[in-house]
Amino acid sequence: ARGKAPLSLPDVTMIGALSAYISDETVRDFQPMGANFGILP
């Protein structure tokens, strides 16, 4: 609404990693994902 670019958290954060997971276009067999350290770099 304010004309700003979307807020994107780095993938080293848990929220950033989850956000990256649900938007990763390379994923083909998409399944739900909860917080876990395995999705962090």
All heavy atoms as atom14 arrays in JSON, in Angstrom:
{
  "sequence": "ARGKAPLSLPDVTMIGALSAYISDETVRDFQPMGANFGILP",
  "atom14_mask": [
    [1, 1, 1, 1, 1, 0, 0, 0, 0, 0, 0, 0, 0, 0],
    [1, 1, 1, 1, 1, 1, 1, 1, 1, 1, 1, 0, 0, 0],
    [1, 1, 1, 1, 0, 0, 0, 0, 0, 0, 0, 0, 0, 0],
    [1, 1, 1, 1, 1, 1, 1, 1, 1, 0, 0, 0, 0, 0],
    [1, 1, 1, 1, 1, 0, 0, 0, 0, 0, 0, 0, 0, 0],
    [1, 1, 1, 1, 1, 1, 1, 0, 0, 0, 0, 0, 0, 0],
    [1, 1, 1, 1, 1, 1, 1, 1, 0, 0, 0, 0, 0, 0],
    [1, 1, 1, 1, 1, 1, 0, 0, 0, 0, 0, 0, 0, 0],
    [1, 1, 1, 1, 1, 1, 1, 1, 0, 0, 0, 0, 0, 0],
    [1, 1, 1, 1, 1, 1, 1, 0, 0, 0, 0, 0, 0, 0],
    [1, 1, 1, 1, 1, 1, 1, 1, 0, 0, 0, 0, 0, 0],
    [1, 1, 1, 1, 1, 1, 1, 0, 0, 0, 0, 0, 0, 0],
    [1, 1, 1, 1, 1, 1, 1, 0, 0, 0, 0, 0, 0, 0],
    [1, 1, 1, 1, 1, 1, 1, 1, 0, 0, 0, 0, 0, 0],
    [1, 1, 1, 1, 1, 1, 1, 1, 0, 0, 0, 0, 0, 0],
    [1, 1, 1, 1, 0, 0, 0, 0, 0, 0, 0, 0, 0, 0],
    [1, 1, 1, 1, 1, 0, 0, 0, 0, 0, 0, 0, 0, 0],
    [1, 1, 1, 1, 1, 1, 1, 1, 0, 0, 0, 0, 0, 0],
    [1, 1, 1, 1, 1, 1, 0, 0, 0, 0, 0, 0, 0, 0],
    [1, 1, 1, 1, 1, 0, 0, 0, 0, 0, 0, 0, 0, 0],
    [1, 1, 1, 1, 1, 1, 1, 1, 1, 1, 1, 1, 0, 0],
    [1, 1, 1, 1, 1, 1, 1, 1, 0, 0, 0, 0, 0, 0],
    [1, 1, 1, 1, 1, 1, 0, 0, 0, 0, 0, 0, 0, 0],
    [1, 1, 1, 1, 1, 1, 1, 1, 0, 0, 0, 0, 0, 0],
    [1, 1, 1, 1, 1, 1, 1, 1, 1, 0, 0, 0, 0, 0],
    [1, 1, 1, 1, 1, 1, 1, 0, 0, 0, 0, 0, 0, 0],
    [1, 1, 1, 1, 1, 1, 1, 0, 0, 0, 0, 0, 0, 0],
    [1, 1, 1, 1, 1, 1, 1, 1, 1, 1, 1, 0, 0, 0],
    [1, 1, 1, 1, 1, 1, 1, 1, 0, 0, 0, 0, 0, 0],
    [1, 1, 1, 1, 1, 1, 1, 1, 1, 1, 1, 0, 0, 0],
    [1, 1, 1, 1, 1, 1, 1, 1, 1, 0, 0, 0, 0, 0],
    [1, 1, 1, 1, 1, 1, 1, 0, 0, 0, 0, 0, 0, 0],
    [1, 1, 1, 1, 1, 1, 1, 1, 0, 0, 0, 0, 0, 0],
    [1, 1, 1, 1, 0, 0, 0, 0, 0, 0, 0, 0, 0, 0],
    [1, 1, 1, 1, 1, 0, 0, 0, 0, 0, 0, 0, 0, 0],
    [1, 1, 1, 1, 1, 1, 1, 1, 0, 0, 0, 0, 0, 0],
    [1, 1, 1, 1, 1, 1, 1, 1, 1, 1, 1, 0, 0, 0],
    [1, 1, 1, 1, 0, 0, 0, 0, 0, 0, 0, 0, 0, 0],
    [1, 1, 1, 1, 1, 1, 1, 1, 0, 0, 0, 0, 0, 0],
    [1, 1, 1, 1, 1, 1, 1, 1, 0, 0, 0, 0, 0, 0],
    [1, 1, 1, 1, 1, 1, 1, 0, 0, 0, 0, 0, 0, 0]
  ],
  "atom14_positions": [
    [[0.82, -1.21, 0.0], [0.0, 0.0, 0.0], [0.85, 1.26, 0.0], [0.44, 2.29, -0.54], [-0.93, -0.01, 1.21], [0.0, 0.0, 0.0], [0.0, 0.0, 0.0], [0.0, 0.0, 0.0], [0.0, 0.0, 0.0], [0.0, 0.0, 0.0], [0.0, 0.0, 0.0], [0.0, 0.0, 0.0], [0.0, 0.0, 0.0], [0.0, 0.0, 0.0]],
    [[2.04, 1.18, 0.58], [2.91, 2.34, 0.69], [3.95, 2.4, -0.4], [4.87, 3.24, -0.34], [3.56, 2.35, 2.08], [2.54, 2.5, 3.2], [3.16, 2.4, 4.58], [2.15, 2.59, 5.62], [2.39, 2.5, 6.93], [3.61, 2.23, 7.36], [1.4, 2.68, 7.79], [0.0, 0.0, 0.0], [0.0, 0.0, 0.0], [0.0, 0.0, 0.0]],
    [[3.84, 1.51, -1.39], [4.75, 1.54, -2.52], [6.15, 1.04, -2.22], [7.11, 1.37, -2.93], [0.0, 0.0, 0.0], [0.0, 0.0, 0.0], [0.0, 0.0, 0.0], [0.0, 0.0, 0.0], [0.0, 0.0, 0.0], [0.0, 0.0, 0.0], [0.0, 0.0, 0.0], [0.0, 0.0, 0.0], [0.0, 0.0, 0.0], [0.0, 0.0, 0.0]],
    [[6.3, 0.22, -1.18], [7.6, -0.33, -0.8], [7.75, -1.75, -1.32], [6.77, -2.46, -1.54], [7.77, -0.32, 0.72], [7.87, 1.06, 1.34], [8.16, 0.94, 2.83], [8.38, 2.3, 3.47], [8.74, 2.18, 4.91], [0.0, 0.0, 0.0], [0.0, 0.0, 0.0], [0.0, 0.0, 0.0], [0.0, 0.0, 0.0], [0.0, 0.0, 0.0]],
    [[8.99, -2.15, -1.51], [9.28, -3.53, -1.92], [8.89, -4.48, -0.79], [8.92, -4.12, 0.39], [10.76, -3.68, -2.23], [0.0, 0.0, 0.0], [0.0, 0.0, 0.0], [0.0, 0.0, 0.0], [0.0, 0.0, 0.0], [0.0, 0.0, 0.0], [0.0, 0.0, 0.0], [0.0, 0.0, 0.0], [0.0, 0.0, 0.0], [0.0, 0.0, 0.0]],
    [[8.51, -5.71, -1.12], [8.14, -6.68, -0.09], [9.27, -6.92, 0.9], [10.45, -6.87, 0.54], [7.83, -7.95, -0.89], [7.54, -7.49, -2.28], [8.38, -6.28, -2.49], [0.0, 0.0, 0.0], [0.0, 0.0, 0.0], [0.0, 0.0, 0.0], [0.0, 0.0, 0.0], [0.0, 0.0, 0.0], [0.0, 0.0, 0.0], [0.0, 0.0, 0.0]],
    [[8.9, -7.16, 2.15], [9.86, -7.53, 3.17], [10.21, -8.99, 2.99], [9.33, -9.86, 3.01], [9.27, -7.3, 4.56], [10.12, -7.76, 5.76], [11.41, -6.95, 5.84], [9.33, -7.66, 7.06], [0.0, 0.0, 0.0], [0.0, 0.0, 0.0], [0.0, 0.0, 0.0], [0.0, 0.0, 0.0], [0.0, 0.0, 0.0], [0.0, 0.0, 0.0]],
    [[11.48, -9.26, 2.82], [11.95, -10.63, 2.65], [13.03, -10.89, 3.68], [14.09, -10.26, 3.65], [12.48, -10.85, 1.23], [12.91, -12.19, 1.05], [0.0, 0.0, 0.0], [0.0, 0.0, 0.0], [0.0, 0.0, 0.0], [0.0, 0.0, 0.0], [0.0, 0.0, 0.0], [0.0, 0.0, 0.0], [0.0, 0.0, 0.0], [0.0, 0.0, 0.0]],
    [[12.78, -11.78, 4.61], [13.75, -12.09, 5.64], [14.79, -13.07, 5.1], [14.48, -13.94, 4.29], [13.07, -12.7, 6.86], [12.02, -11.83, 7.56], [11.49, -12.54, 8.8], [12.6, -10.48, 7.93], [0.0, 0.0, 0.0], [0.0, 0.0, 0.0], [0.0, 0.0, 0.0], [0.0, 0.0, 0.0], [0.0, 0.0, 0.0], [0.0, 0.0, 0.0]],
    [[16.05, -12.94, 5.53], [17.1, -13.85, 5.05], [16.81, -15.29, 5.43], [16.18, -15.56, 6.47], [18.36, -13.32, 5.73], [17.89, -12.5, 6.88], [16.57, -11.93, 6.48], [0.0, 0.0, 0.0], [0.0, 0.0, 0.0], [0.0, 0.0, 0.0], [0.0, 0.0, 0.0], [0.0, 0.0, 0.0], [0.0, 0.0, 0.0], [0.0, 0.0, 0.0]],
    [[17.29, -16.23, 4.62], [16.97, -17.63, 4.86], [17.72, -18.24, 6.04], [17.51, -19.4, 6.37], [17.21, -18.48, 3.6], [18.66, -18.49, 3.15], [19.53, -17.87, 3.8], [18.94, -19.15, 2.12], [0.0, 0.0, 0.0], [0.0, 0.0, 0.0], [0.0, 0.0, 0.0], [0.0, 0.0, 0.0], [0.0, 0.0, 0.0], [0.0, 0.0, 0.0]],
    [[18.58, -17.45, 6.71], [19.2, -17.94, 7.94], [18.24, -17.79, 9.12], [18.49, -18.33, 10.19], [20.53, -17.22, 8.24], [21.55, -17.5, 7.15], [20.32, -15.72, 8.43], [0.0, 0.0, 0.0], [0.0, 0.0, 0.0], [0.0, 0.0, 0.0], [0.0, 0.0, 0.0], [0.0, 0.0, 0.0], [0.0, 0.0, 0.0], [0.0, 0.0, 0.0]],
    [[17.16, -17.01, 8.95], [16.12, -16.92, 9.97], [15.11, -18.03, 9.72], [14.95, -18.51, 8.59], [15.4, -15.56, 9.95], [14.68, -15.42, 8.71], [16.39, -14.42, 10.1], [0.0, 0.0, 0.0], [0.0, 0.0, 0.0], [0.0, 0.0, 0.0], [0.0, 0.0, 0.0], [0.0, 0.0, 0.0], [0.0, 0.0, 0.0], [0.0, 0.0, 0.0]],
    [[14.41, -18.45, 10.76], [13.44, -19.52, 10.6], [12.26, -19.07, 9.75], [11.79, -19.81, 8.87], [12.96, -20.02, 11.97], [12.14, -21.32, 11.91], [13.03, -22.71, 11.16], [14.32, -22.98, 12.4], [0.0, 0.0, 0.0], [0.0, 0.0, 0.0], [0.0, 0.0, 0.0], [0.0, 0.0, 0.0], [0.0, 0.0, 0.0], [0.0, 0.0, 0.0]],
    [[11.79, -17.84, 9.97], [10.67, -17.33, 9.17], [11.1, -17.15, 7.73], [10.36, -17.47, 6.8], [10.13, -16.02, 9.76], [9.53, -16.26, 11.15], [9.07, -15.41, 8.84], [9.07, -14.99, 11.85], [0.0, 0.0, 0.0], [0.0, 0.0, 0.0], [0.0, 0.0, 0.0], [0.0, 0.0, 0.0], [0.0, 0.0, 0.0], [0.0, 0.0, 0.0]],
    [[12.33, -16.65, 7.53], [12.84, -16.48, 6.17], [12.97, -17.8, 5.44], [12.67, -17.9, 4.25], [0.0, 0.0, 0.0], [0.0, 0.0, 0.0], [0.0, 0.0, 0.0], [0.0, 0.0, 0.0], [0.0, 0.0, 0.0], [0.0, 0.0, 0.0], [0.0, 0.0, 0.0], [0.0, 0.0, 0.0], [0.0, 0.0, 0.0], [0.0, 0.0, 0.0]],
    [[13.42, -18.85, 6.15], [13.58, -20.16, 5.55], [12.24, -20.77, 5.17], [12.08, -21.37, 4.11], [14.34, -21.09, 6.49], [0.0, 0.0, 0.0], [0.0, 0.0, 0.0], [0.0, 0.0, 0.0], [0.0, 0.0, 0.0], [0.0, 0.0, 0.0], [0.0, 0.0, 0.0], [0.0, 0.0, 0.0], [0.0, 0.0, 0.0], [0.0, 0.0, 0.0]],
    [[11.23, -20.61, 6.04], [9.9, -21.1, 5.74], [9.3, -20.35, 4.55], [8.67, -20.94, 3.67], [8.98, -20.96, 6.94], [9.21, -21.97, 8.08], [8.43, -21.55, 9.32], [8.81, -23.38, 7.67], [0.0, 0.0, 0.0], [0.0, 0.0, 0.0], [0.0, 0.0, 0.0], [0.0, 0.0, 0.0], [0.0, 0.0, 0.0], [0.0, 0.0, 0.0]],
    [[9.51, -19.03, 4.51], [9.02, -18.22, 3.4], [9.66, -18.65, 2.1], [9.0, -18.72, 1.05], [9.31, -16.73, 3.66], [8.69, -16.29, 4.86], [0.0, 0.0, 0.0], [0.0, 0.0, 0.0], [0.0, 0.0, 0.0], [0.0, 0.0, 0.0], [0.0, 0.0, 0.0], [0.0, 0.0, 0.0], [0.0, 0.0, 0.0], [0.0, 0.0, 0.0]],
    [[10.97, -18.95, 2.15], [11.68, -19.41, 0.96], [11.17, -20.77, 0.52], [11.04, -21.04, -0.68], [13.18, -19.46, 1.24], [0.0, 0.0, 0.0], [0.0, 0.0, 0.0], [0.0, 0.0, 0.0], [0.0, 0.0, 0.0], [0.0, 0.0, 0.0], [0.0, 0.0, 0.0], [0.0, 0.0, 0.0], [0.0, 0.0, 0.0], [0.0, 0.0, 0.0]],
    [[10.86, -21.63, 1.48], [10.4, -22.98, 1.15], [9.07, -22.95, 0.41], [8.91, -23.64, -0.6], [10.26, -23.81, 2.43], [9.68, -25.19, 2.17], [10.46, -26.21, 1.67], [8.34, -25.44, 2.43], [9.92, -27.47, 1.43], [7.79, -26.69, 2.19], [8.58, -27.7, 1.69], [8.03, -28.94, 1.43], [0.0, 0.0, 0.0], [0.0, 0.0, 0.0]],
    [[8.12, -22.16, 0.9], [6.79, -22.17, 0.27], [6.78, -21.46, -1.08], [5.82, -21.59, -1.84], [5.71, -21.56, 1.19], [5.94, -20.07, 1.46], [5.62, -22.36, 2.49], [5.12, -19.15, 0.61], [0.0, 0.0, 0.0], [0.0, 0.0, 0.0], [0.0, 0.0, 0.0], [0.0, 0.0, 0.0], [0.0, 0.0, 0.0], [0.0, 0.0, 0.0]],
    [[7.85, -20.73, -1.4], [7.9, -19.98, -2.65], [8.96, -20.49, -3.62], [9.21, -19.86, -4.65], [8.16, -18.49, -2.36], [9.4, -18.31, -1.67], [0.0, 0.0, 0.0], [0.0, 0.0, 0.0], [0.0, 0.0, 0.0], [0.0, 0.0, 0.0], [0.0, 0.0, 0.0], [0.0, 0.0, 0.0], [0.0, 0.0, 0.0], [0.0, 0.0, 0.0]],
    [[9.57, -21.63, -3.29], [10.65, -22.19, -4.11], [10.06, -22.87, -5.35], [9.51, -23.97, -5.27], [11.46, -23.18, -3.29], [12.67, -23.74, -4.03], [12.85, -23.42, -5.23], [13.45, -24.49, -3.41], [0.0, 0.0, 0.0], [0.0, 0.0, 0.0], [0.0, 0.0, 0.0], [0.0, 0.0, 0.0], [0.0, 0.0, 0.0], [0.0, 0.0, 0.0]],
    [[10.23, -22.25, -6.49], [9.64, -22.76, -7.73], [10.28, -24.05, -8.22], [9.75, -24.7, -9.11], [9.7, -21.69, -8.82], [8.86, -20.45, -8.52], [8.93, -19.42, -9.62], [8.18, -19.57, -10.61], [9.72, -18.45, -9.5], [0.0, 0.0, 0.0], [0.0, 0.0, 0.0], [0.0, 0.0, 0.0], [0.0, 0.0, 0.0], [0.0, 0.0, 0.0]],
    [[11.44, -24.42, -7.65], [12.08, -25.67, -8.05], [11.43, -26.89, -7.4], [11.67, -28.02, -7.81], [13.58, -25.66, -7.71], [13.76, -25.64, -6.28], [14.27, -24.44, -8.32], [0.0, 0.0, 0.0], [0.0, 0.0, 0.0], [0.0, 0.0, 0.0], [0.0, 0.0, 0.0], [0.0, 0.0, 0.0], [0.0, 0.0, 0.0], [0.0, 0.0, 0.0]],
    [[10.64, -26.66, -6.34], [9.96, -27.75, -5.64], [8.8, -28.24, -6.5], [7.95, -27.45, -6.91], [9.46, -27.3, -4.26], [8.64, -28.4, -3.61], [10.63, -26.9, -3.37], [0.0, 0.0, 0.0], [0.0, 0.0, 0.0], [0.0, 0.0, 0.0], [0.0, 0.0, 0.0], [0.0, 0.0, 0.0], [0.0, 0.0, 0.0], [0.0, 0.0, 0.0]],
    [[8.75, -29.52, -6.75], [7.7, -30.09, -7.59], [6.67, -30.87, -6.81], [5.49, -30.8, -7.1], [8.33, -30.99, -8.67], [9.13, -30.2, -9.69], [8.25, -29.2, -10.41], [9.01, -28.21, -11.18], [8.59, -26.99, -11.46], [7.42, -26.6, -11.02], [9.33, -26.16, -12.15], [0.0, 0.0, 0.0], [0.0, 0.0, 0.0], [0.0, 0.0, 0.0]],
    [[7.08, -31.64, -5.83], [6.14, -32.41, -5.02], [5.99, -31.71, -3.68], [6.51, -32.13, -2.66], [6.65, -33.84, -4.84], [5.67, -34.73, -4.09], [4.47, -34.4, -4.06], [6.11, -35.77, -3.54], [0.0, 0.0, 0.0], [0.0, 0.0, 0.0], [0.0, 0.0, 0.0], [0.0, 0.0, 0.0], [0.0, 0.0, 0.0], [0.0, 0.0, 0.0]],
    [[5.25, -30.6, -3.68], [5.17, -29.73, -2.52], [4.36, -30.36, -1.39], [3.25, -30.84, -1.6], [4.54, -28.4, -2.92], [4.45, -27.39, -1.81], [5.59, -26.87, -1.22], [3.21, -26.94, -1.37], [5.51, -25.94, -0.2], [3.12, -26.01, -0.35], [4.27, -25.51, 0.23], [0.0, 0.0, 0.0], [0.0, 0.0, 0.0], [0.0, 0.0, 0.0]],
    [[4.94, -30.36, -0.2], [4.29, -30.86, 1.0], [4.47, -29.86, 2.13], [5.43, -29.09, 2.15], [4.88, -32.21, 1.41], [4.56, -33.35, 0.44], [3.09, -33.7, 0.43], [2.43, -33.74, 1.47], [2.55, -33.96, -0.75], [0.0, 0.0, 0.0], [0.0, 0.0, 0.0], [0.0, 0.0, 0.0], [0.0, 0.0, 0.0], [0.0, 0.0, 0.0]],
    [[3.54, -29.82, 3.08], [3.66, -28.87, 4.19], [4.96, -29.02, 4.96], [5.52, -30.12, 5.06], [2.45, -29.22, 5.07], [1.48, -29.86, 4.14], [2.3, -30.62, 3.15], [0.0, 0.0, 0.0], [0.0, 0.0, 0.0], [0.0, 0.0, 0.0], [0.0, 0.0, 0.0], [0.0, 0.0, 0.0], [0.0, 0.0, 0.0], [0.0, 0.0, 0.0]],
    [[5.43, -27.91, 5.52], [6.69, -27.89, 6.24], [6.56, -27.06, 7.5], [6.04, -25.94, 7.48], [7.81, -27.31, 5.36], [9.18, -27.22, 6.05], [9.88, -28.84, 6.42], [10.17, -29.46, 4.76], [0.0, 0.0, 0.0], [0.0, 0.0, 0.0], [0.0, 0.0, 0.0], [0.0, 0.0, 0.0], [0.0, 0.0, 0.0], [0.0, 0.0, 0.0]],
    [[7.03, -27.61, 8.61], [7.08, -26.88, 9.86], [8.49, -26.41, 10.15], [9.45, -26.72, 9.41], [0.0, 0.0, 0.0], [0.0, 0.0, 0.0], [0.0, 0.0, 0.0], [0.0, 0.0, 0.0], [0.0, 0.0, 0.0], [0.0, 0.0, 0.0], [0.0, 0.0, 0.0], [0.0, 0.0, 0.0], [0.0, 0.0, 0.0], [0.0, 0.0, 0.0]],
    [[8.66, -25.66, 11.22], [9.97, -25.14, 11.59], [10.91, -26.27, 11.95], [10.58, -27.14, 12.76], [9.83, -24.18, 12.77], [0.0, 0.0, 0.0], [0.0, 0.0, 0.0], [0.0, 0.0, 0.0], [0.0, 0.0, 0.0], [0.0, 0.0, 0.0], [0.0, 0.0, 0.0], [0.0, 0.0, 0.0], [0.0, 0.0, 0.0], [0.0, 0.0, 0.0]],
    [[12.09, -26.29, 11.37], [13.13, -27.24, 11.7], [14.46, -26.69, 11.23], [14.52, -25.91, 10.27], [12.84, -28.62, 11.09], [12.91, -28.64, 9.58], [13.99, -28.87, 9.01], [11.79, -28.38, 8.9], [0.0, 0.0, 0.0], [0.0, 0.0, 0.0], [0.0, 0.0, 0.0], [0.0, 0.0, 0.0], [0.0, 0.0, 0.0], [0.0, 0.0, 0.0]],
    [[15.53, -27.1, 11.89], [16.84, -26.57, 11.54], [17.34, -27.09, 10.19], [18.28, -26.55, 9.62], [17.86, -26.88, 12.64], [17.71, -26.02, 13.86], [17.57, -26.58, 15.11], [17.71, -24.63, 13.75], [17.44, -25.79, 16.24], [17.57, -23.83, 14.88], [17.44, -24.4, 16.12], [0.0, 0.0, 0.0], [0.0, 0.0, 0.0], [0.0, 0.0, 0.0]],
    [[16.72, -28.16, 9.69], [17.14, -28.72, 8.41], [16.9, -27.81, 7.22], [17.5, -27.99, 6.17], [0.0, 0.0, 0.0], [0.0, 0.0, 0.0], [0.0, 0.0, 0.0], [0.0, 0.0, 0.0], [0.0, 0.0, 0.0], [0.0, 0.0, 0.0], [0.0, 0.0, 0.0], [0.0, 0.0, 0.0], [0.0, 0.0, 0.0], [0.0, 0.0, 0.0]],
    [[15.99, -26.82, 7.36], [15.72, -25.92, 6.24], [16.62, -24.68, 6.25], [16.55, -23.86, 5.34], [14.24, -25.49, 6.2], [13.86, -24.69, 7.45], [13.34, -26.7, 6.05], [12.43, -24.14, 7.39], [0.0, 0.0, 0.0], [0.0, 0.0, 0.0], [0.0, 0.0, 0.0], [0.0, 0.0, 0.0], [0.0, 0.0, 0.0], [0.0, 0.0, 0.0]],
    [[17.46, -24.54, 7.29], [18.38, -23.42, 7.36], [19.69, -23.76, 6.66], [20.11, -24.93, 6.64], [18.68, -23.05, 8.82], [17.51, -22.62, 9.7], [18.04, -22.19, 11.08], [16.73, -21.5, 9.07], [0.0, 0.0, 0.0], [0.0, 0.0, 0.0], [0.0, 0.0, 0.0], [0.0, 0.0, 0.0], [0.0, 0.0, 0.0], [0.0, 0.0, 0.0]],
    [[20.38, -22.79, 6.08], [21.7, -23.05, 5.5], [22.66, -23.55, 6.57], [22.59, -23.11, 7.72], [22.14, -21.67, 4.97], [20.89, -20.86, 4.88], [19.97, -21.38, 5.94], [0.0, 0.0, 0.0], [0.0, 0.0, 0.0], [0.0, 0.0, 0.0], [0.0, 0.0, 0.0], [0.0, 0.0, 0.0], [0.0, 0.0, 0.0], [0.0, 0.0, 0.0]]
  ]
}
